[in-house]
Amino acid sequence: MIRKELFASEYRDRLSTFHFKTAFFFAVENIRHDVWREDNLLNCVKYILATIKRFLKRRYCPHFTIDNVNLFYDKFERHEFP
């Protein structure tokens, strides 16, 4: 829903649900487990979006299970990252 409403108009399917799922996995891995509670959902979404932002700043979205794979490869032009 967030991807469709906030990003799809500009990036269409180039910023995919797979990118968001990958950001979710990295956020879960890097943030204390007690944070991931239903009553803290808004903050959890913020962590995921911050993770995507970090990936975009680096121009590199790592695959969660396969090393040295950039999920942004051939998806965006350099000027689109900011």
PDB file of N, CA and C in Angstrom:
ATOM      1  N   MET A   1       0.822  -1.190   0.000  1.00  0.00           N
ATOM      2  CA  MET A   1       0.000   0.000   0.000  1.00  0.00           C
ATOM      3  C   MET A   1       0.873   1.264   0.000  1.00  0.00           C
ATOM      4  N   ILE A   2       1.887   1.299   0.838  1.00  0.00           N
ATOM      5  CA  ILE A   2       2.782   2.462   0.896  1.00  0.00           C
ATOM      6  C   ILE A   2       3.510   2.628  -0.436  1.00  0.00           C
ATOM      7  N   ARG A   3       3.989   1.522  -0.974  1.00  0.00           N
ATOM      8  CA  ARG A   3       4.699   1.573  -2.253  1.00  0.00           C
ATOM      9  C   ARG A   3       3.796   2.128  -3.338  1.00  0.00           C
ATOM     10  N   LYS A   4       2.582   1.645  -3.419  1.00  0.00           N
ATOM     11  CA  LYS A   4       1.660   2.098  -4.466  1.00  0.00           C
ATOM     12  C   LYS A   4       1.277   3.561  -4.295  1.00  0.00           C
ATOM     13  N   GLU A   5       1.000   3.977  -3.081  1.00  0.00           N
ATOM     14  CA  GLU A   5       0.506   5.335  -2.865  1.00  0.00           C
ATOM     15  C   GLU A   5       1.595   6.399  -2.876  1.00  0.00           C
ATOM     16  N   LEU A   6       2.808   6.056  -2.439  1.00  0.00           N
ATOM     17  CA  LEU A   6       3.855   7.066  -2.330  1.00  0.00           C
ATOM     18  C   LEU A   6       4.926   6.992  -3.414  1.00  0.00           C
ATOM     19  N   PHE A   7       5.137   5.819  -3.975  1.00  0.00           N
ATOM     20  CA  PHE A   7       6.265   5.648  -4.890  1.00  0.00           C
ATOM     21  C   PHE A   7       5.880   5.243  -6.309  1.00  0.00           C
ATOM     22  N   ALA A   8       4.760   4.592  -6.492  1.00  0.00           N
ATOM     23  CA  ALA A   8       4.416   4.029  -7.801  1.00  0.00           C
ATOM     24  C   ALA A   8       4.224   5.093  -8.873  1.00  0.00           C
ATOM     25  N   SER A   9       3.715   6.256  -8.512  1.00  0.00           N
ATOM     26  CA  SER A   9       3.484   7.288  -9.531  1.00  0.00           C
ATOM     27  C   SER A   9       4.788   7.721 -10.203  1.00  0.00           C
ATOM     28  N   GLU A  10       5.878   7.743  -9.439  1.00  0.00           N
ATOM     29  CA  GLU A  10       7.157   8.169 -10.002  1.00  0.00           C
ATOM     30  C   GLU A  10       8.011   6.997 -10.484  1.00  0.00           C
ATOM     31  N   TYR A  11       7.997   5.896  -9.733  1.00  0.00           N
ATOM     32  CA  TYR A  11       8.909   4.797 -10.026  1.00  0.00           C
ATOM     33  C   TYR A  11       8.227   3.565 -10.614  1.00  0.00           C
ATOM     34  N   ARG A  12       6.918   3.600 -10.704  1.00  0.00           N
ATOM     35  CA  ARG A  12       6.142   2.463 -11.209  1.00  0.00           C
ATOM     36  C   ARG A  12       6.588   1.183 -10.507  1.00  0.00           C
ATOM     37  N   ASP A  13       6.904   0.162 -11.264  1.00  0.00           N
ATOM     38  CA  ASP A  13       7.299  -1.119 -10.664  1.00  0.00           C
ATOM     39  C   ASP A  13       8.805  -1.251 -10.457  1.00  0.00           C
ATOM     40  N   ARG A  14       9.551  -0.206 -10.763  1.00  0.00           N
ATOM     41  CA  ARG A  14      11.004  -0.290 -10.587  1.00  0.00           C
ATOM     42  C   ARG A  14      11.397  -0.354  -9.123  1.00  0.00           C
ATOM     43  N   LEU A  15      10.619   0.268  -8.250  1.00  0.00           N
ATOM     44  CA  LEU A  15      10.796   0.105  -6.813  1.00  0.00           C
ATOM     45  C   LEU A  15       9.710  -0.890  -6.401  1.00  0.00           C
ATOM     46  N   SER A  16      10.116  -2.132  -6.311  1.00  0.00           N
ATOM     47  CA  SER A  16       9.146  -3.222  -6.216  1.00  0.00           C
ATOM     48  C   SER A  16       8.856  -3.633  -4.773  1.00  0.00           C
ATOM     49  N   THR A  17       7.874  -4.482  -4.636  1.00  0.00           N
ATOM     50  CA  THR A  17       7.570  -5.052  -3.323  1.00  0.00           C
ATOM     51  C   THR A  17       8.747  -5.884  -2.821  1.00  0.00           C
ATOM     52  N   PHE A  18       9.526  -6.442  -3.752  1.00  0.00           N
ATOM     53  CA  PHE A  18      10.708  -7.210  -3.354  1.00  0.00           C
ATOM     54  C   PHE A  18      11.738  -6.310  -2.675  1.00  0.00           C
ATOM     55  N   HIS A  19      11.889  -5.078  -3.153  1.00  0.00           N
ATOM     56  CA  HIS A  19      12.795  -4.127  -2.498  1.00  0.00           C
ATOM     57  C   HIS A  19      12.316  -3.846  -1.071  1.00  0.00           C
ATOM     58  N   PHE A  20      11.009  -3.658  -0.915  1.00  0.00           N
ATOM     59  CA  PHE A  20      10.465  -3.380   0.416  1.00  0.00           C
ATOM     60  C   PHE A  20      10.588  -4.590   1.328  1.00  0.00           C
ATOM     61  N   LYS A  21      10.358  -5.766   0.778  1.00  0.00           N
ATOM     62  CA  LYS A  21      10.502  -6.985   1.579  1.00  0.00           C
ATOM     63  C   LYS A  21      11.954  -7.161   2.017  1.00  0.00           C
ATOM     64  N   THR A  22      12.877  -6.869   1.127  1.00  0.00           N
ATOM     65  CA  THR A  22      14.293  -6.955   1.463  1.00  0.00           C
ATOM     66  C   THR A  22      14.643  -5.964   2.570  1.00  0.00           C
ATOM     67  N   ALA A  23      14.140  -4.736   2.467  1.00  0.00           N
ATOM     68  CA  ALA A  23      14.370  -3.732   3.510  1.00  0.00           C
ATOM     69  C   ALA A  23      13.776  -4.200   4.839  1.00  0.00           C
ATOM     70  N   PHE A  24      12.614  -4.833   4.779  1.00  0.00           N
ATOM     71  CA  PHE A  24      11.992  -5.376   5.984  1.00  0.00           C
ATOM     72  C   PHE A  24      12.904  -6.406   6.642  1.00  0.00           C
ATOM     73  N   PHE A  25      13.435  -7.346   5.861  1.00  0.00           N
ATOM     74  CA  PHE A  25      14.314  -8.380   6.414  1.00  0.00           C
ATOM     75  C   PHE A  25      15.552  -7.772   7.069  1.00  0.00           C
ATOM     76  N   PHE A  26      16.164  -6.790   6.400  1.00  0.00           N
ATOM     77  CA  PHE A  26      17.344  -6.150   6.977  1.00  0.00           C
ATOM     78  C   PHE A  26      16.991  -5.362   8.234  1.00  0.00           C
ATOM     79  N   ALA A  27      15.845  -4.702   8.229  1.00  0.00           N
ATOM     80  CA  ALA A  27      15.427  -3.947   9.417  1.00  0.00           C
ATOM     81  C   ALA A  27      15.185  -4.895  10.588  1.00  0.00           C
ATOM     82  N   VAL A  28      14.507  -5.996  10.341  1.00  0.00           N
ATOM     83  CA  VAL A  28      14.251  -6.973  11.409  1.00  0.00           C
ATOM     84  C   VAL A  28      15.572  -7.524  11.951  1.00  0.00           C
ATOM     85  N   GLU A  29      16.514  -7.764  11.065  1.00  0.00           N
ATOM     86  CA  GLU A  29      17.800  -8.313  11.478  1.00  0.00           C
ATOM     87  C   GLU A  29      18.612  -7.321  12.312  1.00  0.00           C
ATOM     88  N   ASN A  30      18.440  -6.019  12.048  1.00  0.00           N
ATOM     89  CA  ASN A  30      19.303  -5.017  12.671  1.00  0.00           C
ATOM     90  C   ASN A  30      18.684  -4.258  13.833  1.00  0.00           C
ATOM     91  N   ILE A  31      17.434  -4.487  14.112  1.00  0.00           N
ATOM     92  CA  ILE A  31      16.759  -3.765  15.200  1.00  0.00           C
ATOM     93  C   ILE A  31      16.310  -4.784  16.250  1.00  0.00           C
ATOM     94  N   ARG A  32      16.434  -4.394  17.490  1.00  0.00           N
ATOM     95  CA  ARG A  32      16.085  -5.300  18.600  1.00  0.00           C
ATOM     96  C   ARG A  32      14.733  -5.970  18.372  1.00  0.00           C
ATOM     97  N   HIS A  33      14.643  -7.224  18.726  1.00  0.00           N
ATOM     98  CA  HIS A  33      13.420  -7.988  18.480  1.00  0.00           C
ATOM     99  C   HIS A  33      12.219  -7.479  19.277  1.00  0.00           C
ATOM    100  N   ASP A  34      12.436  -6.869  20.430  1.00  0.00           N
ATOM    101  CA  ASP A  34      11.321  -6.398  21.246  1.00  0.00           C
ATOM    102  C   ASP A  34      10.641  -5.158  20.658  1.00  0.00           C
ATOM    103  N   VAL A  35      11.228  -4.560  19.635  1.00  0.00           N
ATOM    104  CA  VAL A  35      10.640  -3.393  18.964  1.00  0.00           C
ATOM    105  C   VAL A  35       9.483  -3.818  18.056  1.00  0.00           C
ATOM    106  N   TRP A  36       9.566  -5.036  17.522  1.00  0.00           N
ATOM    107  CA  TRP A  36       8.602  -5.512  16.526  1.00  0.00           C
ATOM    108  C   TRP A  36       7.341  -6.029  17.218  1.00  0.00           C
ATOM    109  N   ARG A  37       6.500  -5.057  17.601  1.00  0.00           N
ATOM    110  CA  ARG A  37       5.237  -5.351  18.275  1.00  0.00           C
ATOM    111  C   ARG A  37       4.114  -4.631  17.531  1.00  0.00           C
ATOM    112  N   GLU A  38       2.943  -5.172  17.631  1.00  0.00           N
ATOM    113  CA  GLU A  38       1.787  -4.581  16.955  1.00  0.00           C
ATOM    114  C   GLU A  38       1.521  -3.159  17.438  1.00  0.00           C
ATOM    115  N   ASP A  39       1.736  -2.895  18.718  1.00  0.00           N
ATOM    116  CA  ASP A  39       1.489  -1.554  19.245  1.00  0.00           C
ATOM    117  C   ASP A  39       2.595  -0.559  18.858  1.00  0.00           C
ATOM    118  N   ASN A  40       3.594  -1.018  18.110  1.00  0.00           N
ATOM    119  CA  ASN A  40       4.689  -0.170  17.671  1.00  0.00           C
ATOM    120  C   ASN A  40       4.802  -0.184  16.137  1.00  0.00           C
ATOM    121  N   LEU A  41       3.706  -0.467  15.490  1.00  0.00           N
ATOM    122  CA  LEU A  41       3.699  -0.667  14.048  1.00  0.00           C
ATOM    123  C   LEU A  41       4.212   0.545  13.274  1.00  0.00           C
ATOM    124  N   LEU A  42       3.806   1.741  13.653  1.00  0.00           N
ATOM    125  CA  LEU A  42       4.235   2.942  12.941  1.00  0.00           C
ATOM    126  C   LEU A  42       5.761   3.093  12.973  1.00  0.00           C
ATOM    127  N   ASN A  43       6.359   2.867  14.113  1.00  0.00           N
ATOM    128  CA  ASN A  43       7.821   2.942  14.200  1.00  0.00           C
ATOM    129  C   ASN A  43       8.487   1.850  13.374  1.00  0.00           C
ATOM    130  N   CYS A  44       7.895   0.686  13.326  1.00  0.00           N
ATOM    131  CA  CYS A  44       8.445  -0.405  12.517  1.00  0.00           C
ATOM    132  C   CYS A  44       8.436  -0.023  11.036  1.00  0.00           C
ATOM    133  N   VAL A  45       7.358   0.577  10.580  1.00  0.00           N
ATOM    134  CA  VAL A  45       7.280   1.038   9.188  1.00  0.00           C
ATOM    135  C   VAL A  45       8.347   2.105   8.937  1.00  0.00           C
ATOM    136  N   LYS A  46       8.550   2.993   9.904  1.00  0.00           N
ATOM    137  CA  LYS A  46       9.594   4.019   9.763  1.00  0.00           C
ATOM    138  C   LYS A  46      10.974   3.387   9.637  1.00  0.00           C
ATOM    139  N   TYR A  47      11.242   2.330  10.394  1.00  0.00           N
ATOM    140  CA  TYR A  47      12.535   1.644  10.297  1.00  0.00           C
ATOM    141  C   TYR A  47      12.726   1.048   8.902  1.00  0.00           C
ATOM    142  N   ILE A  48      11.678   0.467   8.366  1.00  0.00           N
ATOM    143  CA  ILE A  48      11.754  -0.125   7.028  1.00  0.00           C
ATOM    144  C   ILE A  48      12.005   0.962   5.987  1.00  0.00           C
ATOM    145  N   LEU A  49      11.285   2.075   6.079  1.00  0.00           N
ATOM    146  CA  LEU A  49      11.489   3.176   5.136  1.00  0.00           C
ATOM    147  C   LEU A  49      12.885   3.790   5.283  1.00  0.00           C
ATOM    148  N   ALA A  50      13.378   3.865   6.497  1.00  0.00           N
ATOM    149  CA  ALA A  50      14.736   4.371   6.712  1.00  0.00           C
ATOM    150  C   ALA A  50      15.765   3.427   6.090  1.00  0.00           C
ATOM    151  N   THR A  51      15.486   2.143   6.126  1.00  0.00           N
ATOM    152  CA  THR A  51      16.377   1.165   5.513  1.00  0.00           C
ATOM    153  C   THR A  51      16.392   1.348   4.001  1.00  0.00           C
ATOM    154  N   ILE A  52      15.220   1.520   3.403  1.00  0.00           N
ATOM    155  CA  ILE A  52      15.149   1.778   1.953  1.00  0.00           C
ATOM    156  C   ILE A  52      15.884   3.069   1.614  1.00  0.00           C
ATOM    157  N   LYS A  53      15.722   4.093   2.439  1.00  0.00           N
ATOM    158  CA  LYS A  53      16.411   5.358   2.210  1.00  0.00           C
ATOM    159  C   LYS A  53      17.926   5.169   2.233  1.00  0.00           C
ATOM    160  N   ARG A  54      18.409   4.389   3.194  1.00  0.00           N
ATOM    161  CA  ARG A  54      19.841   4.102   3.281  1.00  0.00           C
ATOM    162  C   ARG A  54      20.325   3.367   2.030  1.00  0.00           C
ATOM    163  N   PHE A  55      19.546   2.413   1.554  1.00  0.00           N
ATOM    164  CA  PHE A  55      19.899   1.699   0.326  1.00  0.00           C
ATOM    165  C   PHE A  55      19.958   2.660  -0.859  1.00  0.00           C
ATOM    166  N   LEU A  56      18.998   3.551  -0.959  1.00  0.00           N
ATOM    167  CA  LEU A  56      18.975   4.503  -2.069  1.00  0.00           C
ATOM    168  C   LEU A  56      20.160   5.464  -2.011  1.00  0.00           C
ATOM    169  N   LYS A  57      20.520   5.911  -0.819  1.00  0.00           N
ATOM    170  CA  LYS A  57      21.683   6.794  -0.686  1.00  0.00           C
ATOM    171  C   LYS A  57      22.956   6.103  -1.148  1.00  0.00           C
ATOM    172  N   ARG A  58      23.052   4.827  -0.867  1.00  0.00           N
ATOM    173  CA  ARG A  58      24.227   4.049  -1.278  1.00  0.00           C
ATOM    174  C   ARG A  58      24.140   3.590  -2.736  1.00  0.00           C
ATOM    175  N   ARG A  59      22.945   3.716  -3.311  1.00  0.00           N
ATOM    176  CA  ARG A  59      22.675   3.195  -4.659  1.00  0.00           C
ATOM    177  C   ARG A  59      22.903   1.691  -4.712  1.00  0.00           C
ATOM    178  N   TYR A  60      22.646   1.040  -3.592  1.00  0.00           N
ATOM    179  CA  TYR A  60      22.886  -0.394  -3.494  1.00  0.00           C
ATOM    180  C   TYR A  60      21.842  -1.010  -2.569  1.00  0.00           C
ATOM    181  N   CYS A  61      21.068  -1.920  -3.113  1.00  0.00           N
ATOM    182  CA  CYS A  61      20.101  -2.670  -2.317  1.00  0.00           C
ATOM    183  C   CYS A  61      20.564  -4.123  -2.317  1.00  0.00           C
ATOM    184  N   PRO A  62      21.164  -4.568  -1.229  1.00  0.00           N
ATOM    185  CA  PRO A  62      21.710  -5.924  -1.206  1.00  0.00           C
ATOM    186  C   PRO A  62      20.599  -6.969  -1.163  1.00  0.00           C
ATOM    187  N   HIS A  63      20.833  -8.058  -1.860  1.00  0.00           N
ATOM    188  CA  HIS A  63      19.916  -9.196  -1.752  1.00  0.00           C
ATOM    189  C   HIS A  63      20.104  -9.768  -0.361  1.00  0.00           C
ATOM    190  N   PHE A  64      19.049 -10.217   0.263  1.00  0.00           N
ATOM    191  CA  PHE A  64      19.147 -10.664   1.648  1.00  0.00           C
ATOM    192  C   PHE A  64      19.887 -11.992   1.790  1.00  0.00           C
ATOM    193  N   THR A  65      19.760 -12.874   0.808  1.00  0.00           N
ATOM    194  CA  THR A  65      20.365 -14.201   0.949  1.00  0.00           C
ATOM    195  C   THR A  65      21.510 -14.481  -0.019  1.00  0.00           C
ATOM    196  N   ILE A  66      21.680 -13.650  -1.048  1.00  0.00           N
ATOM    197  CA  ILE A  66      22.731 -13.880  -2.038  1.00  0.00           C
ATOM    198  C   ILE A  66      23.723 -12.721  -1.981  1.00  0.00           C
ATOM    199  N   ASP A  67      24.980 -13.025  -1.723  1.00  0.00           N
ATOM    200  CA  ASP A  67      26.021 -11.992  -1.638  1.00  0.00           C
ATOM    201  C   ASP A  67      26.277 -11.330  -2.983  1.00  0.00           C
ATOM    202  N   ASN A  68      26.673 -10.074  -2.912  1.00  0.00           N
ATOM    203  CA  ASN A  68      27.122  -9.301  -4.079  1.00  0.00           C
ATOM    204  C   ASN A  68      26.068  -9.151  -5.167  1.00  0.00           C
ATOM    205  N   VAL A  69      24.819  -9.066  -4.777  1.00  0.00           N
ATOM    206  CA  VAL A  69      23.739  -8.810  -5.729  1.00  0.00           C
ATOM    207  C   VAL A  69      23.098  -7.486  -5.365  1.00  0.00           C
ATOM    208  N   ASN A  70      23.099  -6.558  -6.315  1.00  0.00           N
ATOM    209  CA  ASN A  70      22.473  -5.256  -6.118  1.00  0.00           C
ATOM    210  C   ASN A  70      21.096  -5.283  -6.771  1.00  0.00           C
ATOM    211  N   LEU A  71      20.059  -5.244  -5.966  1.00  0.00           N
ATOM    212  CA  LEU A  71      18.695  -5.303  -6.496  1.00  0.00           C
ATOM    213  C   LEU A  71      18.291  -4.020  -7.224  1.00  0.00           C
ATOM    214  N   PHE A  72      19.091  -2.970  -7.096  1.00  0.00           N
ATOM    215  CA  PHE A  72      18.830  -1.736  -7.844  1.00  0.00           C
ATOM    216  C   PHE A  72      19.494  -1.743  -9.221  1.00  0.00           C
ATOM    217  N   TYR A  73      20.324  -2.739  -9.474  1.00  0.00           N
ATOM    218  CA  TYR A  73      21.050  -2.787 -10.746  1.00  0.00           C
ATOM    219  C   TYR A  73      20.078  -2.761 -11.925  1.00  0.00           C
ATOM    220  N   ASP A  74      20.289  -1.828 -12.813  1.00  0.00           N
ATOM    221  CA  ASP A  74      19.518  -1.681 -14.045  1.00  0.00           C
ATOM    222  C   ASP A  74      18.043  -1.304 -13.790  1.00  0.00           C
ATOM    223  N   LYS A  75      17.760  -0.755 -12.609  1.00  0.00           N
ATOM    224  CA  LYS A  75      16.396  -0.328 -12.280  1.00  0.00           C
ATOM    225  C   LYS A  75      16.231   1.181 -12.325  1.00  0.00           C
ATOM    226  N   PHE A  76      17.278   1.918 -11.926  1.00  0.00           N
ATOM    227  CA  PHE A  76      17.201   3.365 -11.805  1.00  0.00           C
ATOM    228  C   PHE A  76      18.334   4.032 -12.550  1.00  0.00           C
ATOM    229  N   GLU A  77      18.059   5.231 -13.013  1.00  0.00           N
ATOM    230  CA  GLU A  77      19.119   6.086 -13.555  1.00  0.00           C
ATOM    231  C   GLU A  77      19.800   6.771 -12.370  1.00  0.00           C
ATOM    232  N   ARG A  78      21.041   7.147 -12.543  1.00  0.00           N
ATOM    233  CA  ARG A  78      21.803   7.769 -11.450  1.00  0.00           C
ATOM    234  C   ARG A  78      21.088   8.994 -10.874  1.00  0.00           C
ATOM    235  N   HIS A  79      20.476   9.813 -11.725  1.00  0.00           N
ATOM    236  CA  HIS A  79      19.818  11.041 -11.255  1.00  0.00           C
ATOM    237  C   HIS A  79      18.541  10.763 -10.458  1.00  0.00           C
ATOM    238  N   GLU A  80      18.039   9.543 -10.493  1.00  0.00           N
ATOM    239  CA  GLU A  80      16.800   9.233  -9.782  1.00  0.00           C
ATOM    240  C   GLU A  80      17.012   8.863  -8.315  1.00  0.00           C
ATOM    241  N   PHE A  81      18.209   8.516  -7.951  1.00  0.00           N
ATOM    242  CA  PHE A  81      18.455   8.072  -6.572  1.00  0.00           C
ATOM    243  C   PHE A  81      18.169   9.142  -5.519  1.00  0.00           C
ATOM    244  N   PRO A  82      18.569  10.391  -5.713  1.00  0.00           N
ATOM    245  CA  PRO A  82      18.247  11.383  -4.667  1.00  0.00           C
ATOM    246  C   PRO A  82      16.746  11.536  -4.481  1.00  0.00           C
TER     247      PRO A  82
END
